[in-house]
Protein backbone atom coordinates (compact mmCIF):
# COMPACT_ATOMS: atom_id res chain seq x y z
CA MET A 1 16.01 34.61 -70.61
CA ASP A 2 13.89 37.19 -72.40
CA ALA A 3 10.15 37.38 -71.86
CA ARG A 4 8.23 34.86 -73.92
CA ARG A 5 5.15 35.80 -75.87
CA ALA A 6 2.14 33.57 -75.61
CA PRO A 7 1.83 31.37 -78.71
CA PRO A 8 -0.89 32.26 -81.21
CA SER A 9 -4.27 30.77 -80.53
CA GLY A 10 -4.37 27.07 -81.40
CA GLU A 11 -0.64 26.49 -81.04
CA GLN A 12 0.72 24.25 -78.31
CA ARG A 13 3.75 24.75 -76.14
CA SER A 14 5.66 22.41 -73.87
CA VAL A 15 5.84 23.36 -70.19
CA ARG A 16 7.78 21.52 -67.46
CA VAL A 17 7.84 22.51 -63.78
CA THR A 18 10.33 21.27 -61.19
CA VAL A 19 9.69 21.30 -57.43
CA LEU A 20 11.68 18.24 -56.30
CA ARG A 21 14.83 20.19 -57.13
CA PRO A 22 15.40 23.96 -57.00
CA PHE A 23 12.36 25.52 -58.64
CA GLU A 24 12.49 25.75 -62.41
CA VAL A 25 10.10 26.29 -65.30
CA VAL A 26 11.09 25.08 -68.77
CA VAL A 27 9.06 26.30 -71.75
CA ASP A 28 9.62 24.69 -75.15
CA GLY A 29 12.89 23.24 -73.89
CA GLU A 30 14.28 26.55 -72.59
CA PRO A 31 14.62 27.36 -68.86
CA VAL A 32 12.74 30.51 -67.87
CA GLU A 33 14.25 32.68 -65.15
CA VAL A 34 11.74 33.33 -62.36
CA PRO A 35 13.14 36.35 -60.54
CA GLY A 36 12.85 36.83 -56.82
CA ARG A 37 12.20 34.57 -53.86
CA THR A 38 8.58 35.73 -53.57
CA ALA A 39 7.70 34.68 -57.12
CA ARG A 40 9.46 31.32 -56.79
CA ALA A 41 7.80 30.57 -53.44
CA MET A 42 4.40 31.54 -54.83
CA LEU A 43 4.77 29.28 -57.87
CA THR A 44 6.14 26.41 -55.78
CA ALA A 45 3.12 26.56 -53.46
CA LEU A 46 0.69 26.69 -56.40
CA THR A 47 2.47 23.87 -58.24
CA LEU A 48 1.87 21.59 -55.26
CA GLU A 49 -1.88 22.11 -55.87
CA PRO A 50 -2.13 22.23 -59.69
CA GLY A 51 -5.51 23.29 -61.00
CA ARG A 52 -6.88 23.96 -57.52
CA PRO A 53 -7.44 27.30 -55.79
CA VAL A 54 -5.13 28.10 -52.86
CA ALA A 55 -6.58 30.50 -50.32
CA MET A 56 -4.72 33.80 -50.26
CA SER A 57 -4.18 33.52 -46.50
CA ASP A 58 -2.49 30.12 -46.97
CA LEU A 59 -0.37 31.45 -49.84
CA VAL A 60 0.80 34.42 -47.77
CA THR A 61 1.78 32.07 -44.94
CA ARG A 62 3.72 29.85 -47.37
CA ILE A 63 5.65 32.78 -48.80
CA TRP A 64 6.39 34.86 -45.70
CA GLY A 65 5.52 32.74 -42.69
CA GLU A 66 4.61 34.86 -39.68
CA ARG A 67 6.40 37.97 -40.98
CA PRO A 68 4.58 39.22 -44.11
CA PRO A 69 5.56 42.59 -45.60
CA GLY A 70 3.63 45.72 -44.77
CA ASP A 71 1.88 45.78 -48.15
CA VAL A 72 1.18 42.15 -49.05
CA ARG A 73 -0.98 43.02 -52.06
CA LEU A 74 1.74 45.15 -53.62
CA ALA A 75 4.38 42.47 -53.06
CA LEU A 76 2.16 39.82 -54.63
CA ARG A 77 1.19 42.11 -57.51
CA ASN A 78 4.88 42.68 -58.29
CA ALA A 79 5.61 38.95 -58.12
CA VAL A 80 2.71 38.09 -60.42
CA ALA A 81 3.75 40.80 -62.90
CA ALA A 82 7.31 39.44 -62.92
CA VAL A 83 6.04 35.92 -63.65
CA ARG A 84 3.65 37.02 -66.38
CA SER A 85 6.33 39.08 -68.08
CA ARG A 86 8.33 35.89 -68.55
CA ILE A 87 5.62 33.21 -68.81
CA PRO A 88 2.45 34.63 -70.34
CA ASP A 89 -0.78 32.74 -69.90
CA GLY A 90 -1.43 30.34 -72.73
CA PRO A 91 -1.53 26.64 -73.58
CA GLY A 92 -0.12 24.57 -70.74
CA TRP A 93 0.10 27.46 -68.26
CA ARG A 94 -2.42 29.85 -66.71
CA LEU A 95 -1.88 31.85 -63.52
CA THR A 96 -5.02 33.24 -61.84
CA VAL A 97 -4.79 35.61 -58.86
CA THR A 98 -7.79 37.15 -57.06
CA PRO A 99 -8.14 38.82 -53.66
CA ALA A 100 -9.46 35.51 -52.26
CA TYR A 101 -7.26 32.87 -53.91
CA ALA A 102 -4.59 32.05 -56.46
CA GLN A 103 -4.47 29.12 -58.86
CA LEU A 104 -1.96 27.71 -61.33
CA ASP A 105 -3.40 25.64 -64.15
CA VAL A 106 -0.70 23.36 -65.47
CA GLU A 107 -0.97 19.74 -66.56
CA PRO A 108 0.04 17.32 -63.75
CA ALA A 109 2.12 15.39 -66.28
CA ALA A 110 4.28 18.50 -66.65
CA ILE A 111 5.29 18.50 -62.96
CA ASP A 112 8.20 16.39 -61.76
CA LEU A 113 6.39 15.47 -58.53
CA ALA A 114 3.44 14.04 -60.48
CA ILE A 115 5.83 12.16 -62.77
CA ALA A 116 7.65 10.68 -59.76
CA ARG A 117 4.37 9.60 -58.17
CA GLN A 118 3.20 7.94 -61.39
CA ARG A 119 6.45 6.02 -61.82
CA ALA A 120 6.32 4.95 -58.18
CA ALA A 121 2.72 3.76 -58.65
CA ASP A 122 3.74 1.84 -61.78
CA GLY A 123 6.64 0.33 -59.85
CA HIS A 124 4.33 -0.72 -57.03
CA ALA A 125 1.99 -2.34 -59.55
CA ALA A 126 4.93 -4.17 -61.16
CA ALA A 127 6.01 -5.50 -57.76
CA LEU A 128 2.49 -6.75 -57.01
CA SER A 129 2.37 -8.52 -60.37
CA GLY A 130 5.61 -10.38 -59.68
CA ARG A 131 8.00 -8.24 -61.76
CA PRO A 132 10.52 -7.01 -59.15
CA GLN A 133 13.20 -6.05 -61.67
CA ASP A 134 10.79 -3.78 -63.55
CA ALA A 135 9.58 -2.39 -60.24
CA ALA A 136 13.12 -1.54 -59.14
CA VAL A 137 13.81 0.27 -62.42
CA LEU A 138 10.63 2.36 -62.20
CA LEU A 139 11.15 3.23 -58.55
CA ARG A 140 14.76 4.18 -59.21
CA GLN A 141 13.56 6.50 -61.98
CA ALA A 142 11.11 8.10 -59.54
CA LEU A 143 13.79 8.61 -56.90
CA ASP A 144 16.19 10.08 -59.45
CA LEU A 145 13.84 13.06 -59.84
CA TRP A 146 14.48 14.05 -56.22
CA SER A 147 17.44 16.07 -54.97
CA GLU A 148 18.71 17.02 -51.53
CA HIS A 149 17.50 20.59 -52.11
CA PRO A 150 13.85 20.60 -53.21
CA ALA A 151 12.05 23.85 -53.90
CA VAL A 152 9.65 23.30 -50.99
CA ASP A 153 10.55 25.33 -47.92
CA PRO A 154 11.50 23.14 -44.89
CA ALA A 155 9.03 25.17 -42.78
CA TRP A 156 6.08 24.07 -44.94
CA PRO A 157 4.09 21.00 -43.84
CA GLU A 158 4.50 19.63 -47.38
CA TYR A 159 8.26 19.34 -46.79
CA ALA A 160 7.84 16.60 -44.16
CA GLU A 161 5.12 14.95 -46.25
CA LEU A 162 7.38 14.82 -49.31
CA ALA A 163 10.28 13.49 -47.23
CA GLU A 164 8.03 10.67 -45.99
CA GLU A 165 6.82 10.00 -49.54
CA ARG A 166 10.39 9.74 -50.79
CA LEU A 167 11.31 7.40 -47.93
CA VAL A 168 8.42 5.09 -48.80
CA MET A 169 9.58 5.04 -52.44
CA LEU A 170 13.09 4.19 -51.25
CA GLU A 171 11.74 1.32 -49.14
CA ASP A 172 9.69 0.07 -52.10
CA ARG A 173 12.78 0.15 -54.30
CA LEU A 174 14.88 -1.68 -51.68
CA ASP A 175 12.21 -4.37 -51.39
CA ALA A 176 12.04 -4.73 -55.17
CA ASP A 177 15.82 -5.07 -55.36
CA ARG A 178 15.66 -7.70 -52.61
CA ALA A 179 12.99 -9.66 -54.49
CA ALA A 180 15.15 -9.38 -57.64
CA GLY A 181 18.05 -11.01 -55.79
CA ARG A 182 20.38 -8.02 -55.30
CA LEU A 183 20.98 -9.10 -51.72
CA GLU A 184 24.45 -7.70 -51.04
CA ALA A 185 23.53 -4.22 -52.26
CA VAL A 186 20.26 -4.27 -50.32
CA ILE A 187 21.99 -5.36 -47.11
CA ASP A 188 24.55 -2.56 -47.46
CA GLU A 189 21.92 0.12 -48.12
CA ALA A 190 19.43 -1.14 -45.53
CA LEU A 191 22.16 -1.14 -42.86
CA ARG A 192 22.79 2.54 -43.57
CA LEU A 193 19.07 3.27 -43.57
CA ILE A 194 18.36 1.71 -40.17
CA VAL A 195 21.18 3.80 -38.71
CA ASP A 196 19.46 6.93 -40.04
CA GLU A 197 15.96 5.65 -39.18
CA PRO A 198 16.36 3.43 -36.08
CA LEU A 199 12.63 3.54 -35.21
CA ARG A 200 11.33 2.83 -38.71
CA GLU A 201 10.16 -0.77 -38.98
CA ARG A 202 9.99 -1.45 -42.70
CA PRO A 203 13.75 -1.07 -43.43
CA HIS A 204 14.39 -3.56 -40.62
CA LEU A 205 11.91 -5.99 -42.19
CA ILE A 206 13.56 -5.64 -45.61
CA LEU A 207 17.00 -6.13 -44.06
CA MET A 208 15.84 -9.22 -42.16
CA LYS A 209 14.41 -10.76 -45.32
CA ALA A 210 17.59 -9.99 -47.28
CA LEU A 211 19.78 -11.52 -44.55
CA LEU A 212 17.57 -14.60 -44.48
CA ALA A 213 17.78 -14.99 -48.26
CA ALA A 214 21.57 -14.61 -48.01
CA GLY A 215 21.74 -17.51 -45.54
CA ARG A 216 22.30 -15.37 -42.46
CA PRO A 217 19.28 -16.01 -40.20
CA HIS A 218 21.09 -15.31 -36.93
CA GLU A 219 21.89 -11.80 -38.04
CA ALA A 220 18.28 -11.31 -39.10
CA ILE A 221 17.20 -12.27 -35.57
CA ALA A 222 19.76 -9.86 -34.12
CA VAL A 223 18.34 -7.05 -36.29
CA TYR A 224 14.88 -7.83 -34.91
CA GLN A 225 16.11 -7.81 -31.32
CA GLN A 226 17.85 -4.49 -31.78
CA LEU A 227 14.66 -2.97 -33.23
CA SER A 228 12.55 -4.51 -30.47
CA ALA A 229 14.77 -3.01 -27.77
CA THR A 230 14.77 0.40 -29.47
CA LEU A 231 10.98 0.50 -29.80
CA ALA A 232 10.52 -0.64 -26.21
CA ASP A 233 12.91 2.01 -24.90
CA ASN A 234 11.36 4.85 -26.91
CA TYR A 235 7.66 3.99 -27.15
CA GLY A 236 7.05 0.98 -24.94
CA ILE A 237 5.71 -1.03 -27.89
CA ASP A 238 6.59 -4.23 -29.74
CA PRO A 239 7.48 -4.52 -33.44
CA ALA A 240 4.64 -4.98 -35.91
CA PRO A 241 3.02 -8.43 -36.20
CA GLU A 242 4.74 -9.13 -39.55
CA LEU A 243 8.15 -8.61 -37.95
CA GLN A 244 7.21 -10.76 -34.97
CA ALA A 245 6.02 -13.57 -37.24
CA LEU A 246 9.22 -13.45 -39.28
CA GLN A 247 11.51 -13.63 -36.25
CA GLN A 248 9.46 -16.53 -34.82
CA SER A 249 9.82 -18.46 -38.08
CA LEU A 250 13.52 -17.66 -38.09
CA ARG A 251 13.96 -18.99 -34.57
CA ALA A 252 12.17 -22.18 -35.51
CA GLY A 253 14.66 -22.83 -38.31
CA VAL A 254 17.88 -21.73 -36.57
CA ALA A 255 20.12 -24.46 -35.16
CA ASP A 256 23.72 -23.34 -35.55
CA ALA A 257 25.42 -20.76 -33.35
CA PRO A 258 25.31 -17.15 -34.63
CA PRO A 259 28.44 -15.32 -35.78
CA ALA A 260 30.53 -14.34 -32.78
CA MET A 261 31.59 -10.78 -32.00
CA ALA A 262 34.90 -9.90 -33.62
CA GLY A 263 36.97 -6.99 -34.82
CA VAL A 264 37.22 -6.31 -38.55
CA LEU A 265 39.91 -4.25 -40.26
CA MET A 266 39.63 -3.31 -43.93
CA ILE A 267 42.51 -1.61 -45.75
CA ARG A 268 42.16 -0.33 -49.31
CA LEU A 269 45.23 0.62 -51.34
CA HIS A 270 44.79 3.58 -53.70
CA GLY A 271 46.83 4.73 -56.64
CA ILE A 272 49.33 1.89 -57.09
CA ALA A 273 48.48 1.72 -60.79
CA ASP A 274 49.15 5.47 -61.12
CA THR A 275 52.74 5.31 -59.84
CA THR A 276 55.86 5.16 -61.99
CA LEU A 277 56.48 1.61 -60.77
CA SER A 278 56.47 -1.11 -63.40
CA LEU A 279 53.67 -3.65 -63.39
CA PRO A 280 55.82 -6.36 -61.74
CA GLU A 281 56.89 -3.82 -59.11
CA GLN A 282 53.28 -2.83 -58.49
CA ALA A 283 52.24 -6.48 -58.04
CA ARG A 284 55.19 -7.15 -55.74
CA LEU A 285 54.41 -4.07 -53.62
CA LEU A 286 50.76 -5.11 -53.29
CA ASP A 287 51.76 -8.65 -52.30
CA ASP A 288 54.32 -7.34 -49.81
CA TRP A 289 51.86 -4.96 -48.20
CA THR A 290 49.22 -7.69 -47.96
CA GLY A 291 51.72 -9.95 -46.23
CA GLU A 292 52.79 -7.17 -43.86
CA ILE A 293 49.18 -6.40 -42.95
CA GLY A 294 48.81 -10.11 -42.19
CA GLU A 295 51.92 -10.07 -39.97
CA HIS A 296 50.61 -7.11 -37.99
CA ALA A 297 47.19 -8.76 -37.71
CA GLU A 298 48.82 -11.93 -36.32
CA ARG A 299 50.70 -9.85 -33.73
CA PHE A 300 47.30 -8.89 -32.36
CA ALA A 301 45.68 -12.35 -32.62
CA GLY A 302 44.04 -11.77 -36.00
CA HIS A 303 44.52 -12.97 -39.57
CA VAL A 304 43.87 -11.88 -43.15
CA ALA A 305 40.49 -13.34 -44.05
CA ALA A 306 40.27 -12.17 -47.66
CA VAL A 307 41.92 -10.04 -50.34
CA VAL A 308 39.51 -8.57 -52.88
CA GLY A 309 41.26 -6.53 -55.55
CA SER A 310 43.22 -3.89 -53.65
CA THR A 311 41.25 -4.35 -50.40
CA VAL A 312 42.64 -6.46 -47.56
CA VAL A 313 40.21 -7.76 -44.92
CA ALA A 314 41.55 -8.87 -41.53
CA HIS A 315 39.49 -10.69 -38.88
CA PHE A 316 40.13 -10.53 -35.12
CA PRO A 317 38.08 -13.15 -33.21
CA ASP A 318 36.72 -12.15 -29.79
CA ASP A 319 37.84 -8.54 -30.34
CA HIS A 320 34.59 -7.17 -28.92
CA ASP A 321 35.60 -3.50 -29.04
CA ALA A 322 37.90 -3.73 -32.11
CA LYS A 323 40.83 -2.62 -29.95
CA ARG A 324 43.19 -5.22 -31.42
CA ALA A 325 42.03 -4.47 -34.96
CA ARG A 326 42.76 -0.78 -34.41
CA GLN A 327 46.17 -1.52 -32.87
CA ALA A 328 47.10 -3.66 -35.87
CA ALA A 329 46.01 -0.91 -38.26
CA GLU A 330 47.97 1.77 -36.43
CA ALA A 331 51.09 -0.40 -36.22
CA TRP A 332 51.02 -1.11 -39.95
CA LEU A 333 50.38 2.53 -40.81
CA LEU A 334 53.42 3.55 -38.73
CA ALA A 335 55.53 1.02 -40.59
CA LEU A 336 54.13 2.23 -43.89
CA ALA A 337 55.14 5.82 -43.13
CA ALA A 338 58.76 4.67 -42.89
CA ASP A 339 58.65 2.30 -45.89
CA HIS A 340 61.92 2.83 -47.78
CA ARG A 341 60.41 1.41 -50.97
CA LEU A 342 58.36 4.59 -51.31
CA ALA A 343 61.36 6.90 -50.97
CA PRO A 344 62.08 7.16 -54.74
CA LEU A 345 58.47 8.24 -55.37
CA GLY A 346 57.46 11.87 -55.16
CA GLU A 347 54.76 12.88 -52.70
CA ALA A 348 52.12 13.19 -55.43
CA ASP A 349 53.13 9.81 -56.89
CA ARG A 350 52.91 7.82 -53.67
CA PRO A 351 50.11 5.30 -53.17
CA ARG A 352 47.59 6.12 -50.45
CA VAL A 353 45.58 3.91 -48.14
CA SER A 354 42.18 4.18 -46.47
CA GLY A 355 40.70 1.90 -43.89
CA THR A 356 37.86 1.04 -41.54
CA VAL A 357 37.79 -0.62 -38.13
CA VAL A 358 34.57 -1.99 -36.64
CA ALA A 359 33.46 -4.57 -34.07
CA GLY A 360 30.35 -6.67 -34.44
CA PRO A 361 29.05 -10.09 -35.52
CA ALA A 362 31.65 -11.43 -37.96
CA GLU A 363 32.77 -14.88 -38.97
CA ALA A 364 35.35 -15.86 -41.57
CA GLY A 365 36.19 -19.14 -43.22
CA LYS A 366 33.58 -21.48 -41.71
CA VAL A 367 31.38 -21.34 -44.81
CA MET A 368 32.66 -21.78 -48.36
CA VAL A 369 30.98 -20.18 -51.36
CA ASN A 370 32.25 -21.37 -54.76
CA GLY A 371 35.40 -22.61 -53.06
CA VAL A 372 36.12 -19.23 -51.42
CA PRO A 373 35.83 -18.61 -47.65
CA ALA A 374 32.74 -16.50 -47.02
CA LEU A 375 32.77 -13.44 -44.80
CA ILE A 376 29.57 -13.61 -42.77
CA GLY A 377 28.36 -10.91 -40.41
CA VAL A 378 27.08 -7.36 -40.34
CA ALA A 379 30.49 -6.10 -39.20
CA PHE A 380 31.89 -7.01 -42.62
CA ASP A 381 28.96 -5.29 -44.32
CA ARG A 382 29.29 -2.15 -42.19
CA GLY A 383 33.04 -1.94 -42.76
CA HIS A 384 32.66 -2.41 -46.50
CA THR A 385 29.95 0.24 -46.72
CA ALA A 386 31.99 2.77 -44.74
CA LEU A 387 35.16 2.02 -46.71
CA ALA A 388 33.46 3.37 -49.83
CA THR A 389 33.23 6.78 -48.11
CA ALA A 390 36.72 6.84 -46.58
CA ARG A 391 39.12 9.26 -48.25
CA PRO A 392 42.70 8.21 -49.09
CA GLY A 393 44.76 8.66 -45.96
CA GLU A 394 41.75 8.22 -43.64
CA LEU A 395 41.17 5.44 -41.09
CA LEU A 396 37.53 5.35 -39.93
CA VAL A 397 36.93 3.79 -36.52
CA LEU A 398 33.23 2.93 -36.44
CA GLU A 399 30.82 2.44 -33.58
CA THR A 400 30.59 -1.13 -32.33
CA LEU A 401 27.62 -3.00 -33.76
CA ALA A 402 26.46 -4.25 -30.38
CA PHE A 403 23.51 -6.39 -31.31
CA PRO A 404 22.08 -8.03 -28.20
CA PRO A 405 22.79 -11.77 -27.90
CA ILE A 406 20.03 -13.92 -29.27
CA ALA A 407 17.74 -14.64 -26.36
CA PRO A 408 16.02 -17.99 -25.85
CA ALA A 409 12.71 -18.23 -27.64
CA GLY A 410 9.76 -17.30 -25.48
CA PRO A 411 6.41 -15.62 -25.59
CA GLU A 412 6.25 -12.13 -27.04
CA ARG A 413 5.57 -9.29 -24.64
């Protein structure tokens, strides 16, 4: 946009600065173009320390790393001139540059990072005061300010610090959601998080608590044992005392056998409602396909455990590597490719399928919830989570969830 003149003395102006996404300055509701990487890097570094002087040597390192230009002063002078031509000093914004330091005076409340931190602090306070739903809302608002591409350079130490800060906010939000009773969503998300962060203890603690609240203590113990083995292998240490205390209390209350290892196949049917088939024909096709998936599952010693909307879930007891589940899926997909009922439909009009195959703790039908057989086990959770990412036409074969068997209770190492 065109250069902005500073407002007359006494007038106010609104300034907003973004660093958790690609760098941006908004003045009186209008984005201001900050030209050049040097100017954007300079302002990003100064925004991280609002109202405080940043030593010129540190600023040069932030902008150019170990390869500064031949004439650093000229490069900085040009960058500062470019910024001032577009954002003059005035209310809400003042850029000071001297040979020794640079400083950006901008209200913390105008910076997205400060806003995110305040909302996270408010969320933490709400959680401590027993308001988990309010806490989850505030923490979600804080996390929504982040993007996958923040303005901070990955080479800067602040990049890792901000990544850790965001991860703590995510853990706080997961724990608030757990306390608010959103157990299924928390279990799904925490399972993904411990895959990404296998050495991080708090997501495992949140997952264990969610599994316990969902009536799945054996799986919570298995999560602990997997973490314990991972920490021992990598660092030679035990889980934190809070985790140890939780697993000991879980063991004391566990009497029934844990879910056995099994194969799980999930098939989702896409686009049936978008075909030219009539509604009765659509319903008949869905019923036929469900029955055929069941027949193929039975060929490989499995059965259909549940049908939820257009998703069919098949369970294969003692299928420790999901080999039978995969064979059933492949056999049905071959039959589907030759299905004469699809012949009248054009290629673009044909329904598509996606699926997941996984092995892990999984049990079907032994527990009833509201008169419906419950699907218990992390293999069901992992398959469901992955199915949401599978594209039509894609069958995802996932890594086996090989939790160690629950060992007899004994003294901690």
